[in-house]
Structures are given as structure tokens and as C-alpha cells.
Amino acid sequence: MKTGSDATRYQVSRTTWYTGVNYLDSLTPPSSFGSYAQNHRIKWPEFHTWQINDTTLVGFFDEEHNVTGAAPNKIELHPVIYIRVR
């Protein structure tokens, strides 16, 4: 789990990439996390803003921590930065 500050948060692109859950689920997770990953983004998907349907979010990979419903590649989508309710 990422803890502390996100030292590379300002490098996340504000250009939105439109996608679906299947695409994000197909991405390859990092081979290891180590201490650097605790407060830095480490793979290209973590530097993009994603939109799925009417929800805009930022994704990152996380270590295994026995969460029900986790994606097989451990990608998580946090935080929701915009949601359109109809």
C-alpha cells in the first residue's frame, strides 16, 4: 500500500485516457514494489488520468493485501476526481 506523500503526483498527466475495466485489468504490474514505490509512481499507467464511463480517476498498482475483489494485476483506481451522476 502506498503510504506517506506521493512525490511524483505532479507528474500525472491531466489528459484523460478513455478506457474500460478490461484494458486496465490487462496491464502488467511491476515485478516488485520496494521502498521507492511507497511514495513514487512506478509504471506508466500511474501517470495517466483514466475515464471509465462517466467517472474520472487516477490508477496505481498496489501490493497484495488480501482485499476482496482485487484486480488480478493489483491495479487500483484512486481517487475519483470526477463523477457525473445522471
N, C-alpha and C. Protein backbone atom coordinates (compact mmCIF):
# COMPACT_ATOMS: atom_id res chain seq x y z
N MET A 1 0.84 -1.16 0.00
CA MET A 1 0.00 0.00 0.00
C MET A 1 0.89 1.23 0.00
N LYS A 2 0.53 2.21 -0.79
CA LYS A 2 1.29 3.46 -0.80
C LYS A 2 1.00 4.22 0.48
N THR A 3 2.05 4.73 1.07
CA THR A 3 1.90 5.49 2.31
C THR A 3 2.66 6.80 2.17
N GLY A 4 2.39 7.72 3.06
CA GLY A 4 3.12 8.98 3.03
C GLY A 4 2.72 9.82 1.83
N SER A 5 3.59 10.71 1.43
CA SER A 5 3.27 11.60 0.32
C SER A 5 3.57 10.90 -1.00
N ASP A 6 2.98 11.39 -2.04
CA ASP A 6 3.21 10.89 -3.39
C ASP A 6 4.14 11.89 -4.07
N ALA A 7 5.42 11.61 -4.05
CA ALA A 7 6.43 12.55 -4.53
C ALA A 7 6.31 12.86 -6.02
N THR A 8 5.66 11.99 -6.78
CA THR A 8 5.56 12.20 -8.22
C THR A 8 4.13 12.54 -8.67
N ARG A 9 3.29 12.95 -7.73
CA ARG A 9 1.88 13.23 -8.05
C ARG A 9 1.73 14.36 -9.07
N TYR A 10 2.64 15.30 -9.09
CA TYR A 10 2.54 16.43 -10.02
C TYR A 10 2.91 16.04 -11.45
N GLN A 11 3.42 14.85 -11.64
CA GLN A 11 3.78 14.38 -12.98
C GLN A 11 2.64 13.65 -13.68
N VAL A 12 1.53 13.46 -12.99
CA VAL A 12 0.38 12.77 -13.58
C VAL A 12 -0.24 13.68 -14.64
N SER A 13 -0.42 13.15 -15.82
CA SER A 13 -1.00 13.91 -16.92
C SER A 13 -2.46 14.20 -16.64
N ARG A 14 -2.89 15.40 -16.98
CA ARG A 14 -4.31 15.76 -16.83
C ARG A 14 -5.09 15.43 -18.10
N THR A 15 -4.40 14.94 -19.11
CA THR A 15 -5.08 14.49 -20.32
C THR A 15 -5.76 13.17 -20.02
N THR A 16 -7.05 13.11 -20.28
CA THR A 16 -7.83 11.92 -19.93
C THR A 16 -7.72 10.85 -21.00
N TRP A 17 -7.47 9.63 -20.57
CA TRP A 17 -7.47 8.46 -21.44
C TRP A 17 -8.78 7.74 -21.21
N TYR A 18 -9.57 7.54 -22.25
CA TYR A 18 -10.85 6.85 -22.15
C TYR A 18 -10.61 5.36 -22.33
N THR A 19 -11.12 4.57 -21.41
CA THR A 19 -10.82 3.14 -21.44
C THR A 19 -11.92 2.35 -20.77
N GLY A 20 -11.69 1.07 -20.62
CA GLY A 20 -12.62 0.19 -19.92
C GLY A 20 -11.87 -0.65 -18.90
N VAL A 21 -12.61 -1.29 -18.05
CA VAL A 21 -12.02 -2.11 -16.99
C VAL A 21 -11.17 -3.23 -17.58
N ASN A 22 -11.62 -3.85 -18.67
CA ASN A 22 -10.86 -4.95 -19.26
C ASN A 22 -9.45 -4.53 -19.68
N TYR A 23 -9.33 -3.32 -20.24
CA TYR A 23 -8.00 -2.85 -20.64
C TYR A 23 -7.10 -2.66 -19.41
N LEU A 24 -7.61 -1.99 -18.40
CA LEU A 24 -6.79 -1.75 -17.20
C LEU A 24 -6.42 -3.07 -16.53
N ASP A 25 -7.31 -4.04 -16.58
CA ASP A 25 -7.05 -5.35 -15.98
C ASP A 25 -5.97 -6.11 -16.75
N SER A 26 -5.75 -5.75 -18.01
CA SER A 26 -4.75 -6.45 -18.83
C SER A 26 -3.34 -5.90 -18.66
N LEU A 27 -3.17 -4.78 -17.97
CA LEU A 27 -1.85 -4.16 -17.82
C LEU A 27 -0.95 -5.00 -16.93
N THR A 28 0.33 -4.98 -17.21
CA THR A 28 1.30 -5.76 -16.44
C THR A 28 1.71 -5.00 -15.19
N PRO A 29 1.59 -5.64 -14.03
CA PRO A 29 2.01 -4.97 -12.80
C PRO A 29 3.53 -4.94 -12.68
N PRO A 30 4.07 -4.09 -11.80
CA PRO A 30 5.52 -4.08 -11.59
C PRO A 30 5.98 -5.40 -11.01
N SER A 31 7.23 -5.75 -11.29
CA SER A 31 7.76 -7.02 -10.78
C SER A 31 8.01 -6.98 -9.28
N SER A 32 8.27 -5.80 -8.74
CA SER A 32 8.43 -5.66 -7.29
C SER A 32 8.09 -4.21 -6.92
N PHE A 33 7.82 -4.01 -5.67
CA PHE A 33 7.42 -2.67 -5.22
C PHE A 33 8.55 -1.95 -4.49
N GLY A 34 9.16 -2.56 -3.52
CA GLY A 34 10.27 -1.95 -2.80
C GLY A 34 9.89 -0.65 -2.12
N SER A 35 10.85 -0.05 -1.46
CA SER A 35 10.57 1.17 -0.70
C SER A 35 10.32 2.37 -1.60
N TYR A 36 10.92 2.41 -2.79
CA TYR A 36 10.72 3.54 -3.70
C TYR A 36 9.25 3.69 -4.07
N ALA A 37 8.57 2.58 -4.27
CA ALA A 37 7.17 2.60 -4.69
C ALA A 37 6.23 3.10 -3.61
N GLN A 38 6.68 3.19 -2.39
CA GLN A 38 5.81 3.64 -1.31
C GLN A 38 5.41 5.10 -1.46
N ASN A 39 6.23 5.91 -2.12
CA ASN A 39 5.85 7.31 -2.28
C ASN A 39 6.18 7.87 -3.67
N HIS A 40 6.29 6.98 -4.65
CA HIS A 40 6.52 7.39 -6.04
C HIS A 40 5.65 6.54 -6.96
N ARG A 41 5.23 7.11 -8.05
CA ARG A 41 4.54 6.32 -9.07
C ARG A 41 5.62 5.57 -9.85
N ILE A 42 5.32 4.31 -10.24
CA ILE A 42 6.39 3.48 -10.76
C ILE A 42 6.17 2.91 -12.15
N LYS A 43 4.99 2.99 -12.70
CA LYS A 43 4.74 2.44 -14.03
C LYS A 43 3.91 3.46 -14.82
N TRP A 44 4.02 3.43 -16.15
CA TRP A 44 3.35 4.43 -16.97
C TRP A 44 1.84 4.54 -16.70
N PRO A 45 1.10 3.45 -16.40
CA PRO A 45 -0.34 3.65 -16.14
C PRO A 45 -0.62 4.56 -14.95
N GLU A 46 0.34 4.68 -14.04
CA GLU A 46 0.15 5.51 -12.86
C GLU A 46 0.33 7.01 -13.15
N PHE A 47 0.78 7.34 -14.33
CA PHE A 47 1.00 8.75 -14.69
C PHE A 47 -0.11 9.29 -15.60
N HIS A 48 -1.22 8.57 -15.69
CA HIS A 48 -2.33 8.98 -16.55
C HIS A 48 -3.61 9.15 -15.75
N THR A 49 -4.48 9.98 -16.28
CA THR A 49 -5.83 10.13 -15.75
C THR A 49 -6.73 9.29 -16.64
N TRP A 50 -7.53 8.42 -16.03
CA TRP A 50 -8.36 7.48 -16.77
C TRP A 50 -9.83 7.85 -16.64
N GLN A 51 -10.60 7.57 -17.67
CA GLN A 51 -12.04 7.73 -17.56
C GLN A 51 -12.72 6.45 -18.00
N ILE A 52 -13.58 5.95 -17.13
CA ILE A 52 -14.41 4.78 -17.42
C ILE A 52 -15.85 5.24 -17.27
N ASN A 53 -16.58 5.19 -18.37
CA ASN A 53 -17.95 5.73 -18.41
C ASN A 53 -17.92 7.19 -17.98
N ASP A 54 -18.62 7.57 -16.94
CA ASP A 54 -18.66 8.97 -16.51
C ASP A 54 -17.82 9.23 -15.26
N THR A 55 -16.85 8.38 -14.99
CA THR A 55 -16.02 8.51 -13.79
C THR A 55 -14.57 8.72 -14.20
N THR A 56 -13.94 9.77 -13.67
CA THR A 56 -12.54 10.07 -13.96
C THR A 56 -11.73 9.77 -12.71
N LEU A 57 -10.63 9.03 -12.88
CA LEU A 57 -9.84 8.59 -11.74
C LEU A 57 -8.36 8.48 -12.08
N VAL A 58 -7.57 8.24 -11.07
CA VAL A 58 -6.14 8.02 -11.21
C VAL A 58 -5.87 6.60 -10.72
N GLY A 59 -5.06 5.86 -11.48
CA GLY A 59 -4.79 4.48 -11.11
C GLY A 59 -3.39 4.29 -10.58
N PHE A 60 -3.23 3.23 -9.79
CA PHE A 60 -1.90 2.82 -9.36
C PHE A 60 -1.91 1.35 -9.03
N PHE A 61 -0.75 0.74 -9.09
CA PHE A 61 -0.61 -0.67 -8.72
C PHE A 61 -0.35 -0.73 -7.23
N ASP A 62 -0.82 -1.78 -6.61
CA ASP A 62 -0.64 -1.93 -5.17
C ASP A 62 -0.16 -3.34 -4.88
N GLU A 63 0.51 -3.51 -3.76
CA GLU A 63 0.95 -4.83 -3.34
C GLU A 63 -0.25 -5.66 -2.90
N GLU A 64 -0.10 -6.97 -2.92
CA GLU A 64 -1.13 -7.89 -2.44
C GLU A 64 -1.39 -7.62 -0.97
N HIS A 65 -2.66 -7.39 -0.62
CA HIS A 65 -3.01 -7.23 0.79
C HIS A 65 -4.38 -7.83 1.10
N ASN A 66 -4.68 -8.95 0.41
CA ASN A 66 -5.86 -9.76 0.70
C ASN A 66 -7.16 -8.97 0.73
N VAL A 67 -7.41 -8.18 -0.30
CA VAL A 67 -8.63 -7.41 -0.40
C VAL A 67 -9.61 -8.17 -1.29
N THR A 68 -10.82 -8.34 -0.85
CA THR A 68 -11.85 -8.99 -1.65
C THR A 68 -12.14 -8.16 -2.90
N GLY A 69 -12.14 -8.81 -4.06
CA GLY A 69 -12.46 -8.13 -5.30
C GLY A 69 -11.29 -7.42 -5.95
N ALA A 70 -10.07 -7.66 -5.48
CA ALA A 70 -8.89 -7.01 -6.08
C ALA A 70 -8.70 -7.50 -7.51
N ALA A 71 -8.19 -6.62 -8.36
CA ALA A 71 -7.89 -7.00 -9.74
C ALA A 71 -6.73 -7.98 -9.76
N PRO A 72 -6.73 -8.92 -10.69
CA PRO A 72 -5.63 -9.89 -10.76
C PRO A 72 -4.25 -9.24 -10.90
N ASN A 73 -4.18 -8.08 -11.56
CA ASN A 73 -2.88 -7.41 -11.72
C ASN A 73 -2.63 -6.37 -10.63
N LYS A 74 -3.51 -6.28 -9.65
CA LYS A 74 -3.38 -5.41 -8.47
C LYS A 74 -3.47 -3.92 -8.81
N ILE A 75 -4.07 -3.57 -9.96
CA ILE A 75 -4.26 -2.15 -10.23
C ILE A 75 -5.45 -1.66 -9.42
N GLU A 76 -5.31 -0.49 -8.86
CA GLU A 76 -6.39 0.14 -8.09
C GLU A 76 -6.64 1.51 -8.67
N LEU A 77 -7.87 1.96 -8.59
CA LEU A 77 -8.25 3.24 -9.15
C LEU A 77 -8.64 4.18 -8.01
N HIS A 78 -7.77 5.14 -7.75
CA HIS A 78 -7.97 6.10 -6.65
C HIS A 78 -7.46 7.44 -7.10
N PRO A 79 -7.82 8.49 -6.58
CA PRO A 79 -9.16 8.71 -6.07
C PRO A 79 -10.05 9.07 -7.23
N VAL A 80 -11.33 9.02 -7.01
CA VAL A 80 -12.25 9.51 -8.05
C VAL A 80 -12.10 11.02 -8.07
N ILE A 81 -11.73 11.58 -9.21
CA ILE A 81 -11.55 13.02 -9.28
C ILE A 81 -12.71 13.72 -9.97
N TYR A 82 -13.61 12.90 -10.56
CA TYR A 82 -14.81 13.47 -11.16
C TYR A 82 -15.79 12.33 -11.38
N ILE A 83 -17.06 12.59 -11.09
CA ILE A 83 -18.10 11.62 -11.41
C ILE A 83 -19.33 12.37 -11.87
N ARG A 84 -19.94 11.90 -12.93
CA ARG A 84 -21.14 12.54 -13.46
C ARG A 84 -22.33 11.65 -13.12
N VAL A 85 -23.26 12.19 -12.36
CA VAL A 85 -24.46 11.45 -11.98
C VAL A 85 -25.61 11.94 -12.83
N ARG A 86 -26.31 11.02 -13.45
CA ARG A 86 -27.41 11.40 -14.34
C ARG A 86 -28.73 11.18 -13.66
